[in-house]
Every structure is written in C-alpha cells, then in structure tokens.
Amino acid sequence: MPSVSTRRPSTDSARINLRTSPEAKALIERAAALMGATVSSYISQTMYETSQRVVADQDTLMLSQADFEVFISTCENPPEPTEALIELMRLSR
C-alpha cells in the first residue's frame, strides 16, 4: 500500500495558476499575514498538507477488530486453492 510522504516539498519549484473570488483572496492574504508567510508559501504549504490528508484517507483501509482478525487469520491460514484459481494461474503464465 503506498504511503504518504511526511517530508516537506522540495525547494525546486513548479507553477500552479488559479483564480479565486476577491473574498477568498482577501481571506487567504489575511491568513498568510497572520502566519507570517507569503501568500504563495501559505497556499503551497496548506494545499500540500491538505493533499497529504486526502491521499492518506484514500490509501487507508479501516477495519473493525473482528474484520482485522478474520483478515489476519486468512493470511496466516489461507484456504486451499480452488480448481478455478488453479486454472486461472495456469492461464496467467
């Protein structure tokens, strides 16, 4: 399962252009100023962190304790392969 990197973005740069409402722009500028950051660095860091959470949410599978125990048990004691599975494996060679 891929994991989300917790490292900061590199110092290399790539451009992203976006349009927004004047209200959103003013709010973003205010938030950046409150954080002592430039608008560009504030947007970049905020979107990077948000993107990490979105990707992690999609890459993470949550199981109940009972389902987890069934999963582990099946991994540790796999069932015998069926004829259909054996045939499928023959076809995939």
C-alpha atoms as a PDB file:
ATOM      1  CA  MET A   1       0.000   0.000   0.000  1.00  0.00           C
ATOM      2  CA  PRO A   2       1.533   3.366  -0.952  1.00  0.00           C
ATOM      3  CA  SER A   3       2.194   5.718   1.895  1.00  0.00           C
ATOM      4  CA  VAL A   4       2.058   9.455   2.021  1.00  0.00           C
ATOM      5  CA  SER A   5       5.385  11.177   2.456  1.00  0.00           C
ATOM      6  CA  THR A   6       5.720  13.337   5.529  1.00  0.00           C
ATOM      7  CA  ARG A   7       8.669  15.275   4.137  1.00  0.00           C
ATOM      8  CA  ARG A   8       8.319  18.838   3.009  1.00  0.00           C
ATOM      9  CA  PRO A   9       8.107  19.703  -0.684  1.00  0.00           C
ATOM     10  CA  SER A  10      11.483  20.201  -2.342  1.00  0.00           C
ATOM     11  CA  THR A  11      12.906  23.643  -2.938  1.00  0.00           C
ATOM     12  CA  ASP A  12      12.507  23.131  -6.690  1.00  0.00           C
ATOM     13  CA  SER A  13       9.507  24.998  -7.984  1.00  0.00           C
ATOM     14  CA  ALA A  14       6.669  24.390 -10.388  1.00  0.00           C
ATOM     15  CA  ARG A  15       3.955  26.866 -11.222  1.00  0.00           C
ATOM     16  CA  ILE A  16       0.249  26.460 -10.476  1.00  0.00           C
ATOM     17  CA  ASN A  17      -2.100  29.214 -11.562  1.00  0.00           C
ATOM     18  CA  LEU A  18      -5.506  29.628 -10.007  1.00  0.00           C
ATOM     19  CA  ARG A  19      -8.369  32.066  -9.996  1.00  0.00           C
ATOM     20  CA  THR A  20     -10.493  32.831  -6.970  1.00  0.00           C
ATOM     21  CA  SER A  21     -13.049  35.308  -5.733  1.00  0.00           C
ATOM     22  CA  PRO A  22     -11.922  38.624  -4.261  1.00  0.00           C
ATOM     23  CA  GLU A  23     -13.326  37.497  -0.889  1.00  0.00           C
ATOM     24  CA  ALA A  24     -11.305  34.280  -0.905  1.00  0.00           C
ATOM     25  CA  LYS A  25      -8.173  36.174  -1.969  1.00  0.00           C
ATOM     26  CA  ALA A  26      -8.573  38.664   0.878  1.00  0.00           C
ATOM     27  CA  LEU A  27      -9.071  35.875   3.414  1.00  0.00           C
ATOM     28  CA  ILE A  28      -6.055  33.953   2.126  1.00  0.00           C
ATOM     29  CA  GLU A  29      -3.915  37.098   2.261  1.00  0.00           C
ATOM     30  CA  ARG A  30      -5.050  37.751   5.839  1.00  0.00           C
ATOM     31  CA  ALA A  31      -4.345  34.172   6.928  1.00  0.00           C
ATOM     32  CA  ALA A  32      -0.904  34.249   5.286  1.00  0.00           C
ATOM     33  CA  ALA A  33      -0.078  37.518   7.050  1.00  0.00           C
ATOM     34  CA  LEU A  34      -1.210  36.080  10.387  1.00  0.00           C
ATOM     35  CA  MET A  35       1.096  33.111   9.815  1.00  0.00           C
ATOM     36  CA  GLY A  36       3.993  35.387   8.812  1.00  0.00           C
ATOM     37  CA  ALA A  37       4.146  33.792   5.379  1.00  0.00           C
ATOM     38  CA  THR A  38       3.893  34.952   1.818  1.00  0.00           C
ATOM     39  CA  VAL A  39       0.632  34.190   0.066  1.00  0.00           C
ATOM     40  CA  SER A  40       2.469  31.813  -2.253  1.00  0.00           C
ATOM     41  CA  SER A  41       4.187  29.862   0.533  1.00  0.00           C
ATOM     42  CA  TYR A  42       0.998  29.820   2.628  1.00  0.00           C
ATOM     43  CA  ILE A  43      -1.087  28.430  -0.249  1.00  0.00           C
ATOM     44  CA  SER A  44       1.625  25.956  -1.212  1.00  0.00           C
ATOM     45  CA  GLN A  45       2.109  24.575   2.303  1.00  0.00           C
ATOM     46  CA  THR A  46      -1.617  24.490   3.103  1.00  0.00           C
ATOM     47  CA  MET A  47      -2.513  22.709  -0.118  1.00  0.00           C
ATOM     48  CA  TYR A  48       0.394  20.285   0.285  1.00  0.00           C
ATOM     49  CA  GLU A  49      -0.736  19.311   3.796  1.00  0.00           C
ATOM     50  CA  THR A  50      -4.372  19.049   2.711  1.00  0.00           C
ATOM     51  CA  SER A  51      -3.375  16.921  -0.273  1.00  0.00           C
ATOM     52  CA  GLN A  52      -1.414  14.589   2.004  1.00  0.00           C
ATOM     53  CA  ARG A  53      -4.522  14.064   4.159  1.00  0.00           C
ATOM     54  CA  VAL A  54      -6.753  13.446   1.123  1.00  0.00           C
ATOM     55  CA  VAL A  55      -4.352  10.866  -0.304  1.00  0.00           C
ATOM     56  CA  ALA A  56      -3.869   9.195   3.092  1.00  0.00           C
ATOM     57  CA  ASP A  57      -7.636   8.972   3.569  1.00  0.00           C
ATOM     58  CA  GLN A  58      -7.963   7.229   0.218  1.00  0.00           C
ATOM     59  CA  ASP A  59      -4.978   4.917   0.802  1.00  0.00           C
ATOM     60  CA  THR A  60      -6.004   3.834   4.296  1.00  0.00           C
ATOM     61  CA  LEU A  61      -8.295   0.888   4.852  1.00  0.00           C
ATOM     62  CA  MET A  62     -10.044   0.833   8.210  1.00  0.00           C
ATOM     63  CA  LEU A  63     -11.284  -2.499   9.568  1.00  0.00           C
ATOM     64  CA  SER A  64     -13.199  -3.376  12.687  1.00  0.00           C
ATOM     65  CA  GLN A  65     -11.309  -5.535  15.162  1.00  0.00           C
ATOM     66  CA  ALA A  66     -13.378  -8.584  14.095  1.00  0.00           C
ATOM     67  CA  ASP A  67     -12.682  -7.991  10.389  1.00  0.00           C
ATOM     68  CA  PHE A  68      -8.987  -7.459  11.120  1.00  0.00           C
ATOM     69  CA  GLU A  69      -8.838 -10.770  12.982  1.00  0.00           C
ATOM     70  CA  VAL A  70     -10.539 -12.571  10.059  1.00  0.00           C
ATOM     71  CA  PHE A  71      -8.048 -10.957   7.652  1.00  0.00           C
ATOM     72  CA  ILE A  72      -5.024 -11.976   9.740  1.00  0.00           C
ATOM     73  CA  SER A  73      -6.381 -15.472  10.222  1.00  0.00           C
ATOM     74  CA  THR A  74      -6.922 -15.872   6.483  1.00  0.00           C
ATOM     75  CA  CYS A  75      -3.390 -14.605   5.755  1.00  0.00           C
ATOM     76  CA  GLU A  76      -1.882 -16.976   8.290  1.00  0.00           C
ATOM     77  CA  ASN A  77      -4.080 -19.942   7.273  1.00  0.00           C
ATOM     78  CA  PRO A  78      -5.033 -19.467   3.640  1.00  0.00           C
ATOM     79  CA  PRO A  79      -7.689 -21.787   2.214  1.00  0.00           C
ATOM     80  CA  GLU A  80      -6.697 -24.438  -0.304  1.00  0.00           C
ATOM     81  CA  PRO A  81      -6.838 -23.103  -3.875  1.00  0.00           C
ATOM     82  CA  THR A  82      -9.948 -23.992  -5.850  1.00  0.00           C
ATOM     83  CA  GLU A  83      -9.813 -25.583  -9.298  1.00  0.00           C
ATOM     84  CA  ALA A  84     -10.912 -22.244 -10.795  1.00  0.00           C
ATOM     85  CA  LEU A  85      -7.984 -20.465  -9.127  1.00  0.00           C
ATOM     86  CA  ILE A  86      -5.532 -23.140 -10.231  1.00  0.00           C
ATOM     87  CA  GLU A  87      -6.807 -22.825 -13.823  1.00  0.00           C
ATOM     88  CA  LEU A  88      -6.583 -19.041 -13.670  1.00  0.00           C
ATOM     89  CA  MET A  89      -2.978 -19.256 -12.508  1.00  0.00           C
ATOM     90  CA  ARG A  90      -2.184 -21.601 -15.404  1.00  0.00           C
ATOM     91  CA  LEU A  91      -3.640 -19.056 -17.839  1.00  0.00           C
ATOM     92  CA  SER A  92      -1.620 -16.184 -16.408  1.00  0.00           C
ATOM     93  CA  ARG A  93       1.771 -17.772 -17.151  1.00  0.00           C
END
